Structure formats: structure tokens, C-alpha cells
N, C-alpha and C. Protein backbone atom coordinates (compact mmCIF):
# COMPACT_ATOMS: atom_id res chain seq x y z
N MET A 1 24.03 -70.12 -92.38
CA MET A 1 22.78 -70.39 -93.04
C MET A 1 23.02 -70.30 -94.53
N ARG A 2 22.60 -71.35 -95.25
CA ARG A 2 22.78 -71.39 -96.68
C ARG A 2 21.45 -71.80 -97.31
N ASN A 3 20.92 -71.00 -98.22
CA ASN A 3 19.61 -71.24 -98.86
C ASN A 3 18.50 -71.44 -97.84
N GLY A 4 18.57 -70.81 -96.74
CA GLY A 4 17.53 -70.88 -95.72
C GLY A 4 17.57 -72.14 -94.90
N VAL A 5 18.65 -72.95 -94.99
CA VAL A 5 18.76 -74.21 -94.26
C VAL A 5 19.86 -74.05 -93.23
N THR A 6 19.60 -74.43 -91.99
CA THR A 6 20.61 -74.34 -90.94
C THR A 6 21.26 -75.70 -90.76
N ALA A 7 22.35 -75.77 -90.03
CA ALA A 7 23.06 -77.02 -89.78
C ALA A 7 22.18 -78.01 -89.01
N GLY A 8 21.28 -77.52 -88.19
CA GLY A 8 20.39 -78.39 -87.42
C GLY A 8 19.38 -79.11 -88.30
N ASP A 9 19.11 -78.55 -89.50
CA ASP A 9 18.12 -79.18 -90.38
C ASP A 9 18.59 -80.54 -90.89
N GLY A 10 19.86 -80.79 -91.02
CA GLY A 10 20.38 -82.09 -91.47
C GLY A 10 20.04 -83.19 -90.48
N ARG A 11 20.19 -82.86 -89.20
CA ARG A 11 19.82 -83.85 -88.18
C ARG A 11 18.31 -84.06 -88.15
N THR A 12 17.56 -83.00 -88.34
CA THR A 12 16.10 -83.10 -88.36
C THR A 12 15.66 -84.01 -89.50
N ARG A 13 16.26 -83.81 -90.68
CA ARG A 13 15.93 -84.67 -91.83
C ARG A 13 16.27 -86.13 -91.54
N LEU A 14 17.42 -86.36 -90.90
CA LEU A 14 17.83 -87.72 -90.56
C LEU A 14 16.83 -88.36 -89.61
N VAL A 15 16.43 -87.63 -88.56
CA VAL A 15 15.47 -88.15 -87.59
C VAL A 15 14.13 -88.41 -88.27
N LEU A 16 13.68 -87.47 -89.10
CA LEU A 16 12.41 -87.65 -89.81
C LEU A 16 12.49 -88.86 -90.75
N GLY A 17 13.62 -89.05 -91.41
CA GLY A 17 13.79 -90.20 -92.30
C GLY A 17 13.72 -91.51 -91.54
N VAL A 18 14.37 -91.56 -90.37
CA VAL A 18 14.35 -92.78 -89.56
C VAL A 18 12.93 -93.05 -89.06
N VAL A 19 12.25 -92.02 -88.57
CA VAL A 19 10.87 -92.19 -88.08
C VAL A 19 9.97 -92.65 -89.22
N LEU A 20 10.10 -92.03 -90.38
CA LEU A 20 9.27 -92.41 -91.53
C LEU A 20 9.55 -93.86 -91.94
N SER A 21 10.81 -94.27 -91.90
CA SER A 21 11.17 -95.65 -92.24
C SER A 21 10.55 -96.64 -91.26
N ILE A 22 10.59 -96.30 -89.98
CA ILE A 22 10.00 -97.18 -88.96
C ILE A 22 8.48 -97.29 -89.16
N VAL A 23 7.83 -96.19 -89.44
CA VAL A 23 6.38 -96.20 -89.67
C VAL A 23 6.05 -97.05 -90.89
N MET A 24 6.81 -96.88 -91.97
CA MET A 24 6.54 -97.66 -93.20
C MET A 24 6.79 -99.15 -92.95
N PHE A 25 7.80 -99.49 -92.19
CA PHE A 25 8.07 -100.88 -91.85
C PHE A 25 6.90 -101.48 -91.05
N GLY A 26 6.39 -100.70 -90.08
CA GLY A 26 5.24 -101.16 -89.30
C GLY A 26 4.01 -101.37 -90.15
N VAL A 27 3.77 -100.47 -91.10
CA VAL A 27 2.62 -100.62 -92.01
C VAL A 27 2.79 -101.86 -92.86
N ALA A 28 3.99 -102.12 -93.36
CA ALA A 28 4.24 -103.31 -94.17
C ALA A 28 4.01 -104.59 -93.36
N ILE A 29 4.49 -104.62 -92.13
CA ILE A 29 4.29 -105.80 -91.27
C ILE A 29 2.80 -106.01 -91.00
N ALA A 30 2.07 -104.95 -90.72
CA ALA A 30 0.63 -105.06 -90.46
C ALA A 30 -0.10 -105.56 -91.70
N ALA A 31 0.33 -105.14 -92.88
CA ALA A 31 -0.33 -105.58 -94.11
C ALA A 31 -0.12 -107.06 -94.34
N VAL A 32 1.06 -107.56 -94.01
CA VAL A 32 1.35 -108.98 -94.20
C VAL A 32 0.71 -109.81 -93.09
N ALA A 33 0.79 -109.36 -91.87
CA ALA A 33 0.29 -110.13 -90.73
C ALA A 33 -1.23 -110.11 -90.63
N GLY A 34 -1.87 -109.09 -91.16
CA GLY A 34 -3.32 -108.98 -91.07
C GLY A 34 -4.04 -110.22 -91.59
N PRO A 35 -3.74 -110.69 -92.84
CA PRO A 35 -4.42 -111.88 -93.35
C PRO A 35 -4.08 -113.15 -92.59
N LEU A 36 -2.95 -113.17 -91.88
CA LEU A 36 -2.55 -114.37 -91.15
C LEU A 36 -3.11 -114.43 -89.75
N ARG A 37 -3.71 -113.35 -89.30
CA ARG A 37 -4.15 -113.24 -87.91
C ARG A 37 -5.10 -114.36 -87.51
N ASN A 38 -6.02 -114.79 -88.38
CA ASN A 38 -7.03 -115.77 -88.01
C ASN A 38 -6.72 -117.17 -88.51
N VAL A 39 -5.49 -117.43 -88.93
CA VAL A 39 -5.16 -118.76 -89.43
C VAL A 39 -5.26 -119.79 -88.33
N VAL A 40 -4.73 -119.52 -87.16
CA VAL A 40 -4.77 -120.45 -86.04
C VAL A 40 -5.36 -119.75 -84.84
N ASP A 41 -6.40 -120.33 -84.31
CA ASP A 41 -7.01 -119.80 -83.10
C ASP A 41 -6.86 -120.87 -82.03
N PHE A 42 -5.85 -120.68 -81.17
CA PHE A 42 -5.54 -121.70 -80.18
C PHE A 42 -6.63 -121.83 -79.11
N GLY A 43 -7.52 -120.85 -79.03
CA GLY A 43 -8.58 -120.93 -78.04
C GLY A 43 -9.82 -121.63 -78.56
N ALA A 44 -9.88 -121.89 -79.87
CA ALA A 44 -11.07 -122.50 -80.47
C ALA A 44 -11.06 -124.01 -80.23
N PRO A 45 -12.24 -124.62 -80.13
CA PRO A 45 -12.29 -126.08 -79.99
C PRO A 45 -11.83 -126.72 -81.29
N PRO A 46 -11.34 -127.98 -81.25
CA PRO A 46 -10.90 -128.63 -82.48
C PRO A 46 -12.08 -128.79 -83.44
N PRO A 47 -11.82 -128.74 -84.74
CA PRO A 47 -12.91 -128.88 -85.70
C PRO A 47 -13.52 -130.27 -85.62
N GLN A 48 -14.81 -130.33 -85.82
CA GLN A 48 -15.50 -131.61 -85.82
C GLN A 48 -15.39 -132.23 -87.20
N PRO A 49 -15.23 -133.55 -87.26
CA PRO A 49 -15.13 -134.18 -88.57
C PRO A 49 -16.42 -134.02 -89.36
N VAL A 50 -16.27 -133.86 -90.64
CA VAL A 50 -17.42 -133.74 -91.53
C VAL A 50 -17.84 -135.14 -91.91
N PRO A 51 -19.13 -135.45 -91.80
CA PRO A 51 -19.57 -136.78 -92.21
C PRO A 51 -19.26 -137.00 -93.69
N ILE A 52 -18.73 -138.15 -94.00
CA ILE A 52 -18.39 -138.49 -95.38
C ILE A 52 -19.54 -139.30 -95.95
N PRO A 53 -20.14 -138.83 -97.06
CA PRO A 53 -21.24 -139.60 -97.64
C PRO A 53 -20.71 -140.88 -98.27
N THR A 54 -21.05 -142.00 -97.69
CA THR A 54 -20.52 -143.27 -98.20
C THR A 54 -21.43 -143.89 -99.24
N SER A 55 -22.53 -143.25 -99.55
CA SER A 55 -23.44 -143.82 -100.53
C SER A 55 -23.18 -143.31 -101.94
N LEU A 56 -22.12 -142.55 -102.15
CA LEU A 56 -21.85 -141.97 -103.45
C LEU A 56 -21.21 -142.93 -104.44
N VAL A 57 -20.54 -143.95 -103.96
CA VAL A 57 -19.81 -144.84 -104.85
C VAL A 57 -20.60 -146.13 -105.02
N PRO A 58 -21.11 -146.38 -106.23
CA PRO A 58 -21.86 -147.62 -106.44
C PRO A 58 -20.90 -148.80 -106.53
N PRO A 59 -21.34 -149.97 -106.12
CA PRO A 59 -20.47 -151.13 -106.24
C PRO A 59 -20.26 -151.49 -107.71
N SER A 60 -19.08 -151.97 -108.02
CA SER A 60 -18.78 -152.40 -109.37
C SER A 60 -19.39 -153.78 -109.60
N GLU A 61 -19.75 -154.06 -110.82
CA GLU A 61 -20.29 -155.38 -111.14
C GLU A 61 -19.27 -156.22 -111.89
N ALA A 62 -18.04 -155.75 -111.98
CA ALA A 62 -17.00 -156.51 -112.66
C ALA A 62 -16.65 -157.75 -111.84
N PRO A 63 -16.28 -158.83 -112.52
CA PRO A 63 -15.91 -160.02 -111.76
C PRO A 63 -14.67 -159.76 -110.92
N GLY A 64 -14.66 -160.29 -109.72
CA GLY A 64 -13.52 -160.09 -108.83
C GLY A 64 -13.45 -161.20 -107.81
N GLU A 65 -12.65 -160.99 -106.79
CA GLU A 65 -12.44 -162.02 -105.79
C GLU A 65 -13.49 -161.99 -104.70
N ASN A 66 -14.42 -161.05 -104.74
CA ASN A 66 -15.38 -160.91 -103.65
C ASN A 66 -16.80 -160.93 -104.20
N GLY A 67 -17.36 -162.09 -104.39
CA GLY A 67 -18.75 -162.21 -104.82
C GLY A 67 -19.01 -161.52 -106.14
N GLY A 68 -18.06 -161.55 -107.06
CA GLY A 68 -18.28 -160.93 -108.35
C GLY A 68 -18.03 -159.43 -108.35
N GLN A 69 -17.59 -158.88 -107.23
CA GLN A 69 -17.34 -157.45 -107.17
C GLN A 69 -15.85 -157.17 -107.09
N GLU A 70 -15.46 -156.10 -107.73
CA GLU A 70 -14.08 -155.66 -107.71
C GLU A 70 -14.06 -154.21 -107.26
N GLY A 71 -13.06 -153.84 -106.51
CA GLY A 71 -12.97 -152.48 -106.03
C GLY A 71 -12.45 -151.52 -107.08
N PHE A 72 -12.38 -150.26 -106.70
CA PHE A 72 -11.90 -149.21 -107.59
C PHE A 72 -10.39 -149.02 -107.47
N SER A 73 -9.81 -149.49 -106.38
CA SER A 73 -8.42 -149.16 -106.05
C SER A 73 -7.40 -150.15 -106.59
N GLY A 74 -7.83 -151.35 -106.91
CA GLY A 74 -6.89 -152.39 -107.28
C GLY A 74 -6.35 -153.14 -106.06
N LEU A 75 -6.74 -152.71 -104.86
CA LEU A 75 -6.34 -153.41 -103.64
C LEU A 75 -7.21 -154.63 -103.43
N PRO A 76 -6.78 -155.56 -102.59
CA PRO A 76 -7.67 -156.67 -102.22
C PRO A 76 -8.96 -156.10 -101.64
N THR A 77 -10.04 -156.83 -101.80
CA THR A 77 -11.34 -156.33 -101.34
C THR A 77 -11.91 -157.23 -100.25
N MET A 78 -12.91 -156.68 -99.57
CA MET A 78 -13.65 -157.43 -98.57
C MET A 78 -15.06 -156.85 -98.50
N SER A 79 -15.99 -157.62 -98.00
CA SER A 79 -17.35 -157.12 -97.82
C SER A 79 -17.47 -156.51 -96.43
N VAL A 80 -18.53 -155.75 -96.23
CA VAL A 80 -18.80 -155.18 -94.90
C VAL A 80 -18.97 -156.32 -93.89
N ALA A 81 -19.59 -157.41 -94.30
CA ALA A 81 -19.81 -158.54 -93.40
C ALA A 81 -18.50 -159.16 -92.92
N GLU A 82 -17.43 -159.00 -93.70
CA GLU A 82 -16.13 -159.54 -93.30
C GLU A 82 -15.40 -158.67 -92.28
N LEU A 83 -15.86 -157.44 -92.09
CA LEU A 83 -15.25 -156.58 -91.07
C LEU A 83 -15.54 -157.14 -89.69
N PRO A 84 -14.65 -156.91 -88.71
CA PRO A 84 -15.01 -157.27 -87.34
C PRO A 84 -16.23 -156.45 -86.92
N SER A 85 -16.97 -156.92 -85.95
CA SER A 85 -18.19 -156.22 -85.54
C SER A 85 -17.90 -154.76 -85.16
N GLU A 86 -16.73 -154.51 -84.55
CA GLU A 86 -16.35 -153.15 -84.19
C GLU A 86 -16.15 -152.28 -85.43
N GLY A 87 -15.68 -152.89 -86.51
CA GLY A 87 -15.52 -152.17 -87.78
C GLY A 87 -16.87 -151.80 -88.39
N ARG A 88 -17.82 -152.72 -88.31
CA ARG A 88 -19.17 -152.43 -88.81
C ARG A 88 -19.79 -151.30 -87.98
N ARG A 89 -19.55 -151.32 -86.67
CA ARG A 89 -20.07 -150.24 -85.80
C ARG A 89 -19.42 -148.90 -86.16
N THR A 90 -18.12 -148.92 -86.47
CA THR A 90 -17.43 -147.69 -86.88
C THR A 90 -18.02 -147.15 -88.17
N LEU A 91 -18.34 -148.02 -89.13
CA LEU A 91 -18.97 -147.56 -90.38
C LEU A 91 -20.31 -146.89 -90.10
N VAL A 92 -21.09 -147.46 -89.19
CA VAL A 92 -22.38 -146.85 -88.83
C VAL A 92 -22.15 -145.46 -88.24
N LEU A 93 -21.18 -145.33 -87.34
CA LEU A 93 -20.88 -144.02 -86.75
C LEU A 93 -20.45 -143.02 -87.82
N ILE A 94 -19.66 -143.47 -88.78
CA ILE A 94 -19.22 -142.58 -89.86
C ILE A 94 -20.42 -142.09 -90.65
N GLU A 95 -21.31 -143.00 -91.01
CA GLU A 95 -22.49 -142.62 -91.79
C GLU A 95 -23.41 -141.70 -91.00
N GLU A 96 -23.44 -141.86 -89.66
CA GLU A 96 -24.28 -141.01 -88.81
C GLU A 96 -23.60 -139.71 -88.42
N GLY A 97 -22.31 -139.58 -88.73
CA GLY A 97 -21.58 -138.36 -88.38
C GLY A 97 -21.12 -138.32 -86.92
N GLY A 98 -21.07 -139.47 -86.27
CA GLY A 98 -20.57 -139.54 -84.89
C GLY A 98 -21.72 -139.71 -83.91
N PRO A 99 -21.45 -139.56 -82.63
CA PRO A 99 -20.19 -139.16 -82.00
C PRO A 99 -19.17 -140.30 -82.06
N PHE A 100 -17.91 -139.92 -82.13
CA PHE A 100 -16.82 -140.87 -82.28
C PHE A 100 -16.12 -141.08 -80.94
N PRO A 101 -15.72 -142.32 -80.65
CA PRO A 101 -15.13 -142.61 -79.35
C PRO A 101 -13.66 -142.21 -79.21
N PHE A 102 -12.96 -142.01 -80.32
CA PHE A 102 -11.54 -141.70 -80.24
C PHE A 102 -11.29 -140.27 -80.70
N GLU A 103 -10.39 -139.60 -80.01
CA GLU A 103 -10.11 -138.17 -80.26
C GLU A 103 -9.72 -137.89 -81.70
N ARG A 104 -8.96 -138.77 -82.32
CA ARG A 104 -8.46 -138.51 -83.68
C ARG A 104 -9.39 -139.01 -84.77
N ASP A 105 -10.54 -139.57 -84.41
CA ASP A 105 -11.48 -140.02 -85.44
C ASP A 105 -11.90 -138.86 -86.33
N GLY A 106 -11.80 -139.08 -87.63
CA GLY A 106 -12.14 -138.04 -88.60
C GLY A 106 -10.94 -137.21 -89.02
N ALA A 107 -9.77 -137.47 -88.44
CA ALA A 107 -8.57 -136.71 -88.80
C ALA A 107 -8.15 -137.05 -90.22
N VAL A 108 -7.46 -136.12 -90.85
CA VAL A 108 -6.97 -136.35 -92.21
C VAL A 108 -5.94 -137.48 -92.18
N PHE A 109 -6.09 -138.42 -93.11
CA PHE A 109 -5.13 -139.49 -93.29
C PHE A 109 -4.25 -139.11 -94.47
N ALA A 110 -2.95 -139.00 -94.25
CA ALA A 110 -2.04 -138.46 -95.26
C ALA A 110 -1.57 -139.49 -96.29
N ASN A 111 -1.83 -140.76 -96.09
CA ASN A 111 -1.43 -141.80 -97.04
C ASN A 111 0.08 -141.77 -97.28
N ARG A 112 0.86 -141.53 -96.22
CA ARG A 112 2.32 -141.47 -96.36
C ARG A 112 2.90 -142.79 -96.85
N GLU A 113 2.22 -143.88 -96.53
CA GLU A 113 2.70 -145.19 -96.96
C GLU A 113 2.53 -145.37 -98.47
N GLY A 114 1.62 -144.60 -99.05
CA GLY A 114 1.38 -144.67 -100.50
C GLY A 114 0.63 -145.91 -100.94
N LEU A 115 -0.06 -146.58 -100.03
CA LEU A 115 -0.76 -147.81 -100.39
C LEU A 115 -2.14 -147.57 -100.99
N LEU A 116 -2.76 -146.45 -100.64
CA LEU A 116 -4.07 -146.12 -101.22
C LEU A 116 -3.85 -145.32 -102.50
N PRO A 117 -4.87 -145.26 -103.35
CA PRO A 117 -4.71 -144.47 -104.58
C PRO A 117 -4.31 -143.03 -104.27
N LYS A 118 -3.39 -142.50 -105.05
CA LYS A 118 -2.88 -141.14 -104.83
C LYS A 118 -4.01 -140.14 -105.02
N GLN A 119 -4.15 -139.25 -104.02
CA GLN A 119 -5.16 -138.19 -104.05
C GLN A 119 -4.55 -136.92 -103.45
N VAL A 120 -5.27 -135.83 -103.54
CA VAL A 120 -4.81 -134.57 -102.97
C VAL A 120 -4.81 -134.67 -101.44
N ASP A 121 -3.97 -133.86 -100.80
CA ASP A 121 -3.94 -133.83 -99.34
C ASP A 121 -5.32 -133.50 -98.79
N GLY A 122 -5.73 -134.20 -97.76
CA GLY A 122 -7.03 -133.96 -97.14
C GLY A 122 -8.14 -134.80 -97.72
N TYR A 123 -7.86 -135.61 -98.72
CA TYR A 123 -8.89 -136.44 -99.39
C TYR A 123 -9.37 -137.57 -98.48
N TYR A 124 -8.45 -138.16 -97.73
CA TYR A 124 -8.78 -139.31 -96.88
C TYR A 124 -8.91 -138.89 -95.41
N HIS A 125 -9.83 -139.58 -94.70
CA HIS A 125 -10.00 -139.37 -93.26
C HIS A 125 -10.00 -140.75 -92.58
N GLU A 126 -9.41 -140.79 -91.40
CA GLU A 126 -9.28 -142.08 -90.71
C GLU A 126 -10.12 -142.15 -89.44
N TYR A 127 -10.53 -143.38 -89.13
CA TYR A 127 -11.34 -143.66 -87.95
C TYR A 127 -10.81 -144.93 -87.29
N THR A 128 -10.69 -144.92 -85.99
CA THR A 128 -10.19 -146.07 -85.25
C THR A 128 -11.28 -147.12 -85.10
N VAL A 129 -10.90 -148.37 -85.31
CA VAL A 129 -11.79 -149.50 -85.05
C VAL A 129 -11.32 -150.09 -83.72
N ALA A 130 -12.17 -150.03 -82.71
CA ALA A 130 -11.80 -150.50 -81.37
C ALA A 130 -11.41 -151.97 -81.39
N THR A 131 -10.47 -152.32 -80.53
CA THR A 131 -10.08 -153.72 -80.34
C THR A 131 -10.35 -154.06 -78.88
N PRO A 132 -11.32 -154.95 -78.62
CA PRO A 132 -11.61 -155.31 -77.23
C PRO A 132 -10.37 -155.85 -76.53
N GLY A 133 -10.12 -155.36 -75.32
CA GLY A 133 -9.00 -155.82 -74.52
C GLY A 133 -7.67 -155.16 -74.85
N ALA A 134 -7.64 -154.28 -75.86
CA ALA A 134 -6.38 -153.61 -76.20
C ALA A 134 -6.03 -152.61 -75.09
N ALA A 135 -4.75 -152.61 -74.70
CA ALA A 135 -4.31 -151.72 -73.62
C ALA A 135 -4.27 -150.26 -74.08
N ASN A 136 -4.04 -150.04 -75.37
CA ASN A 136 -4.01 -148.67 -75.89
C ASN A 136 -4.81 -148.63 -77.19
N GLN A 137 -4.66 -147.57 -77.93
CA GLN A 137 -5.46 -147.41 -79.13
C GLN A 137 -5.18 -148.53 -80.12
N SER A 138 -6.19 -149.02 -80.73
CA SER A 138 -6.14 -150.14 -81.65
C SER A 138 -5.35 -149.81 -82.92
N PRO A 139 -4.71 -150.83 -83.51
CA PRO A 139 -4.04 -150.61 -84.80
C PRO A 139 -5.02 -150.69 -85.97
N ARG A 140 -6.27 -151.04 -85.69
CA ARG A 140 -7.25 -151.21 -86.76
C ARG A 140 -7.87 -149.86 -87.10
N ARG A 141 -8.01 -149.59 -88.40
CA ARG A 141 -8.57 -148.32 -88.86
C ARG A 141 -9.46 -148.55 -90.08
N ILE A 142 -10.40 -147.63 -90.24
CA ILE A 142 -11.15 -147.49 -91.49
C ILE A 142 -10.77 -146.13 -92.03
N VAL A 143 -10.41 -146.10 -93.30
CA VAL A 143 -10.07 -144.85 -93.98
C VAL A 143 -11.11 -144.62 -95.05
N ILE A 144 -11.67 -143.40 -95.07
CA ILE A 144 -12.73 -143.04 -96.00
C ILE A 144 -12.20 -141.98 -96.97
N GLY A 145 -12.47 -142.17 -98.27
CA GLY A 145 -12.13 -141.17 -99.27
C GLY A 145 -13.31 -140.22 -99.48
N GLU A 146 -13.04 -139.06 -100.03
CA GLU A 146 -14.10 -138.06 -100.23
C GLU A 146 -15.22 -138.57 -101.13
N ALA A 147 -14.91 -139.48 -102.05
CA ALA A 147 -15.94 -140.01 -102.94
C ALA A 147 -16.69 -141.17 -102.30
N GLY A 148 -16.37 -141.50 -101.04
CA GLY A 148 -17.09 -142.54 -100.32
C GLY A 148 -16.41 -143.89 -100.31
N GLU A 149 -15.26 -144.02 -100.98
CA GLU A 149 -14.57 -145.31 -100.95
C GLU A 149 -14.07 -145.59 -99.53
N ARG A 150 -14.03 -146.88 -99.18
CA ARG A 150 -13.73 -147.28 -97.80
C ARG A 150 -12.60 -148.30 -97.81
N TYR A 151 -11.67 -148.15 -96.87
CA TYR A 151 -10.54 -149.06 -96.76
C TYR A 151 -10.38 -149.47 -95.30
N TYR A 152 -9.94 -150.72 -95.09
CA TYR A 152 -9.75 -151.24 -93.75
C TYR A 152 -8.31 -151.72 -93.61
N THR A 153 -7.68 -151.39 -92.48
CA THR A 153 -6.37 -151.92 -92.14
C THR A 153 -6.45 -152.50 -90.73
N SER A 154 -5.91 -153.69 -90.58
CA SER A 154 -5.87 -154.31 -89.25
C SER A 154 -4.48 -154.21 -88.65
N ASP A 155 -3.53 -153.66 -89.42
CA ASP A 155 -2.13 -153.65 -89.00
C ASP A 155 -1.50 -152.25 -89.06
N HIS A 156 -2.30 -151.25 -88.72
CA HIS A 156 -1.85 -149.86 -88.63
C HIS A 156 -1.13 -149.41 -89.90
N TYR A 157 -1.83 -149.52 -91.03
CA TYR A 157 -1.41 -148.97 -92.33
C TYR A 157 -0.35 -149.78 -93.06
N SER A 158 -0.01 -150.99 -92.58
CA SER A 158 0.95 -151.81 -93.33
C SER A 158 0.29 -152.44 -94.56
N SER A 159 -1.02 -152.64 -94.48
CA SER A 159 -1.77 -153.17 -95.62
C SER A 159 -3.20 -152.68 -95.54
N PHE A 160 -3.89 -152.67 -96.67
CA PHE A 160 -5.28 -152.23 -96.73
C PHE A 160 -6.08 -153.19 -97.59
N ARG A 161 -7.37 -153.25 -97.29
CA ARG A 161 -8.35 -153.93 -98.15
C ARG A 161 -9.47 -152.93 -98.40
N GLU A 162 -9.94 -152.88 -99.61
CA GLU A 162 -11.07 -152.00 -99.94
C GLU A 162 -12.34 -152.69 -99.47
N VAL A 163 -13.18 -151.94 -98.76
CA VAL A 163 -14.43 -152.47 -98.23
C VAL A 163 -15.54 -152.16 -99.23
N LEU A 164 -16.09 -153.21 -99.82
CA LEU A 164 -17.13 -153.04 -100.84
C LEU A 164 -18.50 -152.88 -100.18
N ARG A 165 -19.43 -152.39 -100.94
CA ARG A 165 -20.80 -152.18 -100.47
C ARG A 165 -21.58 -153.46 -100.59
């Protein structure tokens, strides 16, 4: 015995140090994992698309290729009347907030092709335009921007036309 410490105390200190380290590690993991706990809830239903207000963007009066109107994007333009009837029906559903016939309607459109004006992630949402007689999901889409701008593709994102009001 030296200074009131026995040889067994060294092992006790070692065990206490290991236990304390494990407890501190657990506390650190809990502190980091706590805020992440509710990030993904696999039991929750998928989020419903938020209706995009399409009345926010006034039509331009600048001369252009479509009845004196020019779009905001610099892309070719078209009128709502030029959309196929299924496209006009899709626009009505978008303005009414659904219900939408396709599972992915309202999903974020990432603009990976880079054909639409560059915006922050989540700015654009896509909606399928049905094609009568198509064996699977149609290649036709309407893409809506947060400010209400509307784009139509008939060839699954290879090209777009801005849909004017």
C-alpha cells in the first residue's frame, strides 16, 4: 500500500475509465442522432403535392411568336389552347390541387437536363399528361415553377415549350 492506494485500485480506475468512456460515447451518439430521428418516417403516407398558384405570373405583352406574347424563359411558347385536351385537364387539376391520376404527380422536377431556367432545388414540380392508348405512363408532362410559370414537354424532357396564359 502506497499513499493509501492498493494494487487493485489501478484496475478499478481502468474499468471506471472504460465505463465512463462508453457512457460519454453513448451520450454523444444520442445527441447527434436525436435531431435526425424524425427526418424519415417510413410509416407515414407520402406527402401530398402542394397546389401551385398559377395565377401569380401575368402574361407579358412583349411581341413574340404567340399572339404578341413572349414567355419569361426564352423557350418557345404555346397557348393553353394549343395543349392537347389532356394537358388542359391536367392544368385544371393543378389549379384545383388534385386529385391527380398518377402517383408521381406533384413530385419535384430536378431539371437535370438544364432546359428550364436555373432555379433552386425543389422549385419545379411535374405532372403527367395522360396519353390515350399508351401502354404505360405517358412521356408528356407539365412542369410548374413556384412563381406559376408553366412548361409542357411531349417528349419526356427532351424539349419544352412555355405555356402562356
